[in-house]
PDB file of N, CA and C in Angstrom:
ATOM      1  N   MET A   1       0.828  -1.196   0.000  1.00  0.00           N
ATOM      2  CA  MET A   1       0.000   0.000   0.000  1.00  0.00           C
ATOM      3  C   MET A   1       0.867   1.252   0.000  1.00  0.00           C
ATOM      4  N   LYS A   2       1.918   1.212   0.823  1.00  0.00           N
ATOM      5  CA  LYS A   2       2.820   2.358   0.919  1.00  0.00           C
ATOM      6  C   LYS A   2       3.512   2.618  -0.418  1.00  0.00           C
ATOM      7  N   ASN A   3       3.927   1.529  -1.095  1.00  0.00           N
ATOM      8  CA  ASN A   3       4.594   1.673  -2.385  1.00  0.00           C
ATOM      9  C   ASN A   3       3.654   2.265  -3.429  1.00  0.00           C
ATOM     10  N   LEU A   4       2.397   1.867  -3.382  1.00  0.00           N
ATOM     11  CA  LEU A   4       1.416   2.399  -4.330  1.00  0.00           C
ATOM     12  C   LEU A   4       1.257   3.896  -4.146  1.00  0.00           C
ATOM     13  N   LEU A   5       1.196   4.353  -2.899  1.00  0.00           N
ATOM     14  CA  LEU A   5       1.077   5.789  -2.631  1.00  0.00           C
ATOM     15  C   LEU A   5       2.301   6.548  -3.128  1.00  0.00           C
ATOM     16  N   LEU A   6       3.473   5.961  -2.941  1.00  0.00           N
ATOM     17  CA  LEU A   6       4.695   6.610  -3.421  1.00  0.00           C
ATOM     18  C   LEU A   6       4.717   6.700  -4.938  1.00  0.00           C
ATOM     19  N   ILE A   7       4.267   5.657  -5.606  1.00  0.00           N
ATOM     20  CA  ILE A   7       4.223   5.659  -7.070  1.00  0.00           C
ATOM     21  C   ILE A   7       3.245   6.721  -7.571  1.00  0.00           C
ATOM     22  N   ILE A   8       2.088   6.788  -6.950  1.00  0.00           N
ATOM     23  CA  ILE A   8       1.092   7.795  -7.350  1.00  0.00           C
ATOM     24  C   ILE A   8       1.638   9.199  -7.120  1.00  0.00           C
ATOM     25  N   ALA A   9       2.266   9.419  -5.981  1.00  0.00           N
ATOM     26  CA  ALA A   9       2.846  10.729  -5.686  1.00  0.00           C
ATOM     27  C   ALA A   9       3.928  11.081  -6.708  1.00  0.00           C
ATOM     28  N   ALA A  10       4.758  10.111  -7.061  1.00  0.00           N
ATOM     29  CA  ALA A  10       5.821  10.348  -8.042  1.00  0.00           C
ATOM     30  C   ALA A  10       5.231  10.706  -9.400  1.00  0.00           C
ATOM     31  N   MET A  11       4.132  10.066  -9.771  1.00  0.00           N
ATOM     32  CA  MET A  11       3.488  10.368 -11.053  1.00  0.00           C
ATOM     33  C   MET A  11       3.000  11.818 -11.077  1.00  0.00           C
ATOM     34  N   PHE A  12       2.394  12.269  -9.975  1.00  0.00           N
ATOM     35  CA  PHE A  12       1.929  13.651  -9.914  1.00  0.00           C
ATOM     36  C   PHE A  12       3.094  14.632  -9.969  1.00  0.00           C
ATOM     37  N   VAL A  13       4.163  14.309  -9.259  1.00  0.00           N
ATOM     38  CA  VAL A  13       5.333  15.189  -9.249  1.00  0.00           C
ATOM     39  C   VAL A  13       5.928  15.289 -10.646  1.00  0.00           C
ATOM     40  N   LEU A  14       6.096  14.150 -11.304  1.00  0.00           N
ATOM     41  CA  LEU A  14       6.697  14.159 -12.637  1.00  0.00           C
ATOM     42  C   LEU A  14       5.792  14.822 -13.668  1.00  0.00           C
ATOM     43  N   ALA A  15       4.490  14.666 -13.522  1.00  0.00           N
ATOM     44  CA  ALA A  15       3.559  15.276 -14.468  1.00  0.00           C
ATOM     45  C   ALA A  15       3.553  16.796 -14.331  1.00  0.00           C
ATOM     46  N   ALA A  16       3.832  17.293 -13.128  1.00  0.00           N
ATOM     47  CA  ALA A  16       3.778  18.734 -12.889  1.00  0.00           C
ATOM     48  C   ALA A  16       5.090  19.443 -13.209  1.00  0.00           C
ATOM     49  N   CYS A  17       6.140  18.711 -13.468  1.00  0.00           N
ATOM     50  CA  CYS A  17       7.455  19.316 -13.699  1.00  0.00           C
ATOM     51  C   CYS A  17       7.591  19.775 -15.148  1.00  0.00           C
ATOM     52  N   ASN A  18       7.544  21.070 -15.354  1.00  0.00           N
ATOM     53  CA  ASN A  18       7.723  21.604 -16.700  1.00  0.00           C
ATOM     54  C   ASN A  18       9.035  22.355 -16.840  1.00  0.00           C
ATOM     55  N   THR A  19       9.549  22.847 -15.741  1.00  0.00           N
ATOM     56  CA  THR A  19      10.797  23.614 -15.777  1.00  0.00           C
ATOM     57  C   THR A  19      11.652  23.203 -14.583  1.00  0.00           C
ATOM     58  N   ILE A  20      12.871  23.668 -14.558  1.00  0.00           N
ATOM     59  CA  ILE A  20      13.756  23.410 -13.419  1.00  0.00           C
ATOM     60  C   ILE A  20      13.147  24.003 -12.159  1.00  0.00           C
ATOM     61  N   ASP A  21      12.570  25.183 -12.273  1.00  0.00           N
ATOM     62  CA  ASP A  21      11.910  25.818 -11.133  1.00  0.00           C
ATOM     63  C   ASP A  21      10.763  24.947 -10.650  1.00  0.00           C
ATOM     64  N   GLY A  22      10.005  24.397 -11.566  1.00  0.00           N
ATOM     65  CA  GLY A  22       8.891  23.520 -11.210  1.00  0.00           C
ATOM     66  C   GLY A  22       9.360  22.264 -10.511  1.00  0.00           C
ATOM     67  N   ILE A  23      10.481  21.731 -10.959  1.00  0.00           N
ATOM     68  CA  ILE A  23      11.035  20.530 -10.323  1.00  0.00           C
ATOM     69  C   ILE A  23      11.391  20.834  -8.873  1.00  0.00           C
ATOM     70  N   GLY A  24      12.018  21.965  -8.648  1.00  0.00           N
ATOM     71  CA  GLY A  24      12.387  22.353  -7.280  1.00  0.00           C
ATOM     72  C   GLY A  24      11.169  22.492  -6.382  1.00  0.00           C
ATOM     73  N   LYS A  25      10.131  23.118  -6.897  1.00  0.00           N
ATOM     74  CA  LYS A  25       8.902  23.286  -6.115  1.00  0.00           C
ATOM     75  C   LYS A  25       8.255  21.940  -5.828  1.00  0.00           C
ATOM     76  N   ASP A  26       8.249  21.063  -6.818  1.00  0.00           N
ATOM     77  CA  ASP A  26       7.642  19.744  -6.637  1.00  0.00           C
ATOM     78  C   ASP A  26       8.405  18.921  -5.604  1.00  0.00           C
ATOM     79  N   ILE A  27       9.716  18.971  -5.660  1.00  0.00           N
ATOM     80  CA  ILE A  27      10.522  18.227  -4.695  1.00  0.00           C
ATOM     81  C   ILE A  27      10.297  18.781  -3.292  1.00  0.00           C
ATOM     82  N   LYS A  28      10.202  20.093  -3.192  1.00  0.00           N
ATOM     83  CA  LYS A  28       9.955  20.720  -1.892  1.00  0.00           C
ATOM     84  C   LYS A  28       8.611  20.270  -1.326  1.00  0.00           C
ATOM     85  N   LYS A  29       7.578  20.267  -2.159  1.00  0.00           N
ATOM     86  CA  LYS A  29       6.253  19.848  -1.704  1.00  0.00           C
ATOM     87  C   LYS A  29       6.250  18.378  -1.305  1.00  0.00           C
ATOM     88  N   ALA A  30       6.943  17.549  -2.069  1.00  0.00           N
ATOM     89  CA  ALA A  30       7.021  16.124  -1.735  1.00  0.00           C
ATOM     90  C   ALA A  30       7.717  15.939  -0.388  1.00  0.00           C
ATOM     91  N   GLY A  31       8.779  16.681  -0.171  1.00  0.00           N
ATOM     92  CA  GLY A  31       9.494  16.613   1.104  1.00  0.00           C
ATOM     93  C   GLY A  31       8.626  17.058   2.260  1.00  0.00           C
ATOM     94  N   GLU A  32       7.846  18.123   2.051  1.00  0.00           N
ATOM     95  CA  GLU A  32       6.943  18.603   3.094  1.00  0.00           C
ATOM     96  C   GLU A  32       5.874  17.559   3.408  1.00  0.00           C
ATOM     97  N   SER A  33       5.370  16.902   2.384  1.00  0.00           N
ATOM     98  CA  SER A  33       4.361  15.859   2.591  1.00  0.00           C
ATOM     99  C   SER A  33       4.931  14.699   3.399  1.00  0.00           C
ATOM    100  N   ILE A  34       6.140  14.299   3.066  1.00  0.00           N
ATOM    101  CA  ILE A  34       6.788  13.212   3.804  1.00  0.00           C
ATOM    102  C   ILE A  34       7.031  13.633   5.249  1.00  0.00           C
ATOM    103  N   GLU A  35       7.456  14.875   5.424  1.00  0.00           N
ATOM    104  CA  GLU A  35       7.706  15.382   6.778  1.00  0.00           C
ATOM    105  C   GLU A  35       6.413  15.411   7.596  1.00  0.00           C
ATOM    106  N   ASP A  36       5.327  15.847   6.991  1.00  0.00           N
ATOM    107  CA  ASP A  36       4.036  15.881   7.674  1.00  0.00           C
ATOM    108  C   ASP A  36       3.590  14.472   8.062  1.00  0.00           C
ATOM    109  N   ALA A  37       3.765  13.528   7.153  1.00  0.00           N
ATOM    110  CA  ALA A  37       3.367  12.142   7.435  1.00  0.00           C
ATOM    111  C   ALA A  37       4.209  11.582   8.582  1.00  0.00           C
ATOM    112  N   ALA A  38       5.489  11.890   8.606  1.00  0.00           N
ATOM    113  CA  ALA A  38       6.360  11.411   9.673  1.00  0.00           C
ATOM    114  C   ALA A  38       5.959  12.030  11.012  1.00  0.00           C
ATOM    115  N   THR A  39       5.587  13.296  10.989  1.00  0.00           N
ATOM    116  CA  THR A  39       5.167  13.970  12.217  1.00  0.00           C
ATOM    117  C   THR A  39       3.883  13.353  12.759  1.00  0.00           C
ATOM    118  N   LYS A  40       2.966  13.001  11.876  1.00  0.00           N
ATOM    119  CA  LYS A  40       1.699  12.410  12.304  1.00  0.00           C
ATOM    120  C   LYS A  40       1.905  11.017  12.894  1.00  0.00           C
ATOM    121  N   LYS A  41       2.941  10.305  12.424  1.00  0.00           N
ATOM    122  CA  LYS A  41       3.212   8.952  12.907  1.00  0.00           C
ATOM    123  C   LYS A  41       3.757   8.944  14.327  1.00  0.00           C
ATOM    124  N   LYS A  42       4.355  10.065  14.760  1.00  0.00           N
ATOM    125  CA  LYS A  42       4.962  10.130  16.103  1.00  0.00           C
ATOM    126  C   LYS A  42       3.938   9.997  17.138  1.00  0.00           C
TER     127      LYS A  42
END
């Protein structure tokens, strides 16, 4: 289940990347999402 969520998230990130700036923003958002999920698990 966890792998499926990661694959779906990666698809959204890659689909939204049109420029280098976009890639940076997407990576930042993905990192924030992972950080939020880790915080909720505590």
